[in-house]
């Protein structure tokens, strides 16, 4: 992404997260949004799922409660305590599973 543009994550035509591209980090093919970019934080709840990355540390996951009441399990992940060297890339940030969202839109209009 070259020019700074509004970028958003969508599910069922609803924005889940929105930020300018300059506020995102790109790590191993995933876009990480600051946690503050989540549109409705109350719809995200920690799932209890954890995985470990050798250089980033232990990841925790969020479930998401959609408008229709459906719970989307492990839709996104974050690193509560990233390892040294990973803090500036993933600390305080959330990434979304592409297969569990409708997509990422670059140039999304501001609302």
C-alpha atoms as a PDB file:
ATOM      1  CA  UNK A   1       0.000   0.000   0.000  1.00  0.00           C
ATOM      2  CA  UNK A   2       1.576   3.253  -1.068  1.00  0.00           C
ATOM      3  CA  UNK A   3      -0.585   6.296  -0.233  1.00  0.00           C
ATOM      4  CA  UNK A   4      -2.081   6.618   3.240  1.00  0.00           C
ATOM      5  CA  UNK A   5      -5.676   5.424   2.930  1.00  0.00           C
ATOM      6  CA  UNK A   6      -8.515   4.360   5.186  1.00  0.00           C
ATOM      7  CA  UNK A   7      -8.398   0.559   5.573  1.00  0.00           C
ATOM      8  CA  UNK A   8     -11.149  -1.553   7.110  1.00  0.00           C
ATOM      9  CA  UNK A   9     -11.941  -5.170   7.992  1.00  0.00           C
ATOM     10  CA  UNK A  10     -15.486  -6.244   7.046  1.00  0.00           C
ATOM     11  CA  UNK A  11     -17.882  -9.031   7.998  1.00  0.00           C
ATOM     12  CA  UNK A  12     -21.453  -9.056   6.648  1.00  0.00           C
ATOM     13  CA  UNK A  13     -20.936  -5.488   5.359  1.00  0.00           C
ATOM     14  CA  UNK A  14     -20.126  -4.314   8.901  1.00  0.00           C
ATOM     15  CA  UNK A  15     -16.782  -2.739   9.754  1.00  0.00           C
ATOM     16  CA  UNK A  16     -14.972  -4.603  12.520  1.00  0.00           C
ATOM     17  CA  UNK A  17     -11.829  -2.453  12.521  1.00  0.00           C
ATOM     18  CA  UNK A  18     -10.766   0.704  10.683  1.00  0.00           C
ATOM     19  CA  UNK A  19      -7.495   2.633  10.502  1.00  0.00           C
ATOM     20  CA  UNK A  20      -5.235   4.545   8.163  1.00  0.00           C
ATOM     21  CA  UNK A  21      -2.672   2.346   6.410  1.00  0.00           C
ATOM     22  CA  UNK A  22       0.106   4.299   8.142  1.00  0.00           C
ATOM     23  CA  UNK A  23      -1.233   2.982  11.485  1.00  0.00           C
ATOM     24  CA  UNK A  24      -1.044  -0.674  10.386  1.00  0.00           C
ATOM     25  CA  UNK A  25       1.879  -3.069  10.569  1.00  0.00           C
ATOM     26  CA  UNK A  26       2.369  -5.912   8.088  1.00  0.00           C
ATOM     27  CA  UNK A  27       3.960  -9.062   9.502  1.00  0.00           C
ATOM     28  CA  UNK A  28       4.206 -12.425   7.749  1.00  0.00           C
ATOM     29  CA  UNK A  29       1.353 -11.606   5.364  1.00  0.00           C
ATOM     30  CA  UNK A  30      -1.003 -10.308   8.065  1.00  0.00           C
ATOM     31  CA  UNK A  31      -2.153  -6.733   8.697  1.00  0.00           C
ATOM     32  CA  UNK A  32      -2.133  -5.750  12.370  1.00  0.00           C
ATOM     33  CA  UNK A  33      -4.527  -3.033  13.563  1.00  0.00           C
ATOM     34  CA  UNK A  34      -4.081  -1.175  16.839  1.00  0.00           C
ATOM     35  CA  UNK A  35      -6.585  -2.538  19.345  1.00  0.00           C
ATOM     36  CA  UNK A  36      -8.118   0.957  19.499  1.00  0.00           C
ATOM     37  CA  UNK A  37      -9.119   0.501  15.812  1.00  0.00           C
ATOM     38  CA  UNK A  38     -11.737  -2.117  16.760  1.00  0.00           C
ATOM     39  CA  UNK A  39     -15.125  -0.535  16.010  1.00  0.00           C
ATOM     40  CA  UNK A  40     -17.155  -2.205  18.786  1.00  0.00           C
ATOM     41  CA  UNK A  41     -14.781  -3.743  21.320  1.00  0.00           C
ATOM     42  CA  UNK A  42     -17.723  -5.136  23.323  1.00  0.00           C
ATOM     43  CA  UNK A  43     -18.396  -7.673  20.535  1.00  0.00           C
ATOM     44  CA  UNK A  44     -14.914  -9.182  20.912  1.00  0.00           C
ATOM     45  CA  UNK A  45     -14.218 -11.606  23.746  1.00  0.00           C
ATOM     46  CA  UNK A  46     -11.130 -13.651  24.487  1.00  0.00           C
ATOM     47  CA  UNK A  47     -11.709 -17.226  23.358  1.00  0.00           C
ATOM     48  CA  UNK A  48      -9.245 -19.104  25.536  1.00  0.00           C
ATOM     49  CA  UNK A  49      -7.320 -20.295  22.463  1.00  0.00           C
ATOM     50  CA  UNK A  50      -3.553 -19.777  22.542  1.00  0.00           C
ATOM     51  CA  UNK A  51      -0.742 -20.537  20.108  1.00  0.00           C
ATOM     52  CA  UNK A  52       2.962 -19.800  20.237  1.00  0.00           C
ATOM     53  CA  UNK A  53       5.172 -18.131  17.646  1.00  0.00           C
ATOM     54  CA  UNK A  54       8.926 -18.642  18.138  1.00  0.00           C
ATOM     55  CA  UNK A  55       9.763 -14.949  17.697  1.00  0.00           C
ATOM     56  CA  UNK A  56       6.518 -13.124  18.630  1.00  0.00           C
ATOM     57  CA  UNK A  57       5.514 -15.154  21.691  1.00  0.00           C
ATOM     58  CA  UNK A  58       2.153 -16.490  22.858  1.00  0.00           C
ATOM     59  CA  UNK A  59      -0.904 -15.353  20.900  1.00  0.00           C
ATOM     60  CA  UNK A  60      -4.385 -15.107  22.391  1.00  0.00           C
ATOM     61  CA  UNK A  61      -7.552 -15.121  20.290  1.00  0.00           C
ATOM     62  CA  UNK A  62     -10.837 -13.241  20.088  1.00  0.00           C
ATOM     63  CA  UNK A  63     -14.289 -14.579  19.275  1.00  0.00           C
ATOM     64  CA  UNK A  64     -16.691 -12.083  17.676  1.00  0.00           C
ATOM     65  CA  UNK A  65     -20.444 -11.847  18.212  1.00  0.00           C
ATOM     66  CA  UNK A  66     -22.095 -10.875  14.915  1.00  0.00           C
ATOM     67  CA  UNK A  67     -25.347  -8.903  14.560  1.00  0.00           C
ATOM     68  CA  UNK A  68     -27.285 -12.130  13.912  1.00  0.00           C
ATOM     69  CA  UNK A  69     -26.017 -13.559  17.222  1.00  0.00           C
ATOM     70  CA  UNK A  70     -23.621 -15.983  15.548  1.00  0.00           C
ATOM     71  CA  UNK A  71     -20.324 -16.393  17.382  1.00  0.00           C
ATOM     72  CA  UNK A  72     -17.327 -16.344  15.023  1.00  0.00           C
ATOM     73  CA  UNK A  73     -14.682 -18.315  16.900  1.00  0.00           C
ATOM     74  CA  UNK A  74     -11.054 -17.220  16.886  1.00  0.00           C
ATOM     75  CA  UNK A  75     -11.665 -14.500  14.287  1.00  0.00           C
ATOM     76  CA  UNK A  76      -8.617 -12.521  15.373  1.00  0.00           C
ATOM     77  CA  UNK A  77      -5.458 -12.854  17.431  1.00  0.00           C
ATOM     78  CA  UNK A  78      -3.158 -10.644  19.454  1.00  0.00           C
ATOM     79  CA  UNK A  79       0.004 -10.898  21.543  1.00  0.00           C
ATOM     80  CA  UNK A  80      -0.629  -9.715  25.133  1.00  0.00           C
ATOM     81  CA  UNK A  81       3.075  -9.960  26.020  1.00  0.00           C
ATOM     82  CA  UNK A  82       5.111 -10.065  22.797  1.00  0.00           C
ATOM     83  CA  UNK A  83       8.724 -11.178  22.950  1.00  0.00           C
ATOM     84  CA  UNK A  84      11.546  -8.641  22.799  1.00  0.00           C
ATOM     85  CA  UNK A  85      11.982  -7.542  19.203  1.00  0.00           C
ATOM     86  CA  UNK A  86       8.315  -8.078  18.335  1.00  0.00           C
ATOM     87  CA  UNK A  87       6.722  -5.361  20.509  1.00  0.00           C
ATOM     88  CA  UNK A  88       6.923  -2.639  17.862  1.00  0.00           C
ATOM     89  CA  UNK A  89       5.346  -4.922  15.233  1.00  0.00           C
ATOM     90  CA  UNK A  90       2.537  -6.693  17.119  1.00  0.00           C
ATOM     91  CA  UNK A  91       2.298  -5.207  20.619  1.00  0.00           C
ATOM     92  CA  UNK A  92      -1.164  -3.727  21.292  1.00  0.00           C
ATOM     93  CA  UNK A  93      -2.346  -4.901  17.859  1.00  0.00           C
ATOM     94  CA  UNK A  94      -4.912  -7.320  16.456  1.00  0.00           C
ATOM     95  CA  UNK A  95      -4.808  -9.347  13.213  1.00  0.00           C
ATOM     96  CA  UNK A  96      -7.800 -11.056  11.552  1.00  0.00           C
ATOM     97  CA  UNK A  97      -8.101 -14.471   9.893  1.00  0.00           C
ATOM     98  CA  UNK A  98      -8.836 -13.809   6.227  1.00  0.00           C
ATOM     99  CA  UNK A  99     -11.028 -16.935   5.988  1.00  0.00           C
ATOM    100  CA  UNK A 100     -13.300 -15.710   8.797  1.00  0.00           C
ATOM    101  CA  UNK A 101     -13.961 -12.178   7.509  1.00  0.00           C
ATOM    102  CA  UNK A 102     -15.417 -10.909   4.238  1.00  0.00           C
ATOM    103  CA  UNK A 103     -12.266  -8.982   3.471  1.00  0.00           C
ATOM    104  CA  UNK A 104      -9.978  -6.051   3.946  1.00  0.00           C
ATOM    105  CA  UNK A 105     -10.882  -2.895   2.031  1.00  0.00           C
ATOM    106  CA  UNK A 106      -8.275  -0.297   1.245  1.00  0.00           C
ATOM    107  CA  UNK A 107      -9.676   3.126   0.487  1.00  0.00           C
ATOM    108  CA  UNK A 108     -12.773   2.457   2.601  1.00  0.00           C
ATOM    109  CA  UNK A 109     -14.837   5.627   2.958  1.00  0.00           C
ATOM    110  CA  UNK A 110     -14.789   7.365   6.314  1.00  0.00           C
ATOM    111  CA  UNK A 111     -18.072   7.246   8.206  1.00  0.00           C
END
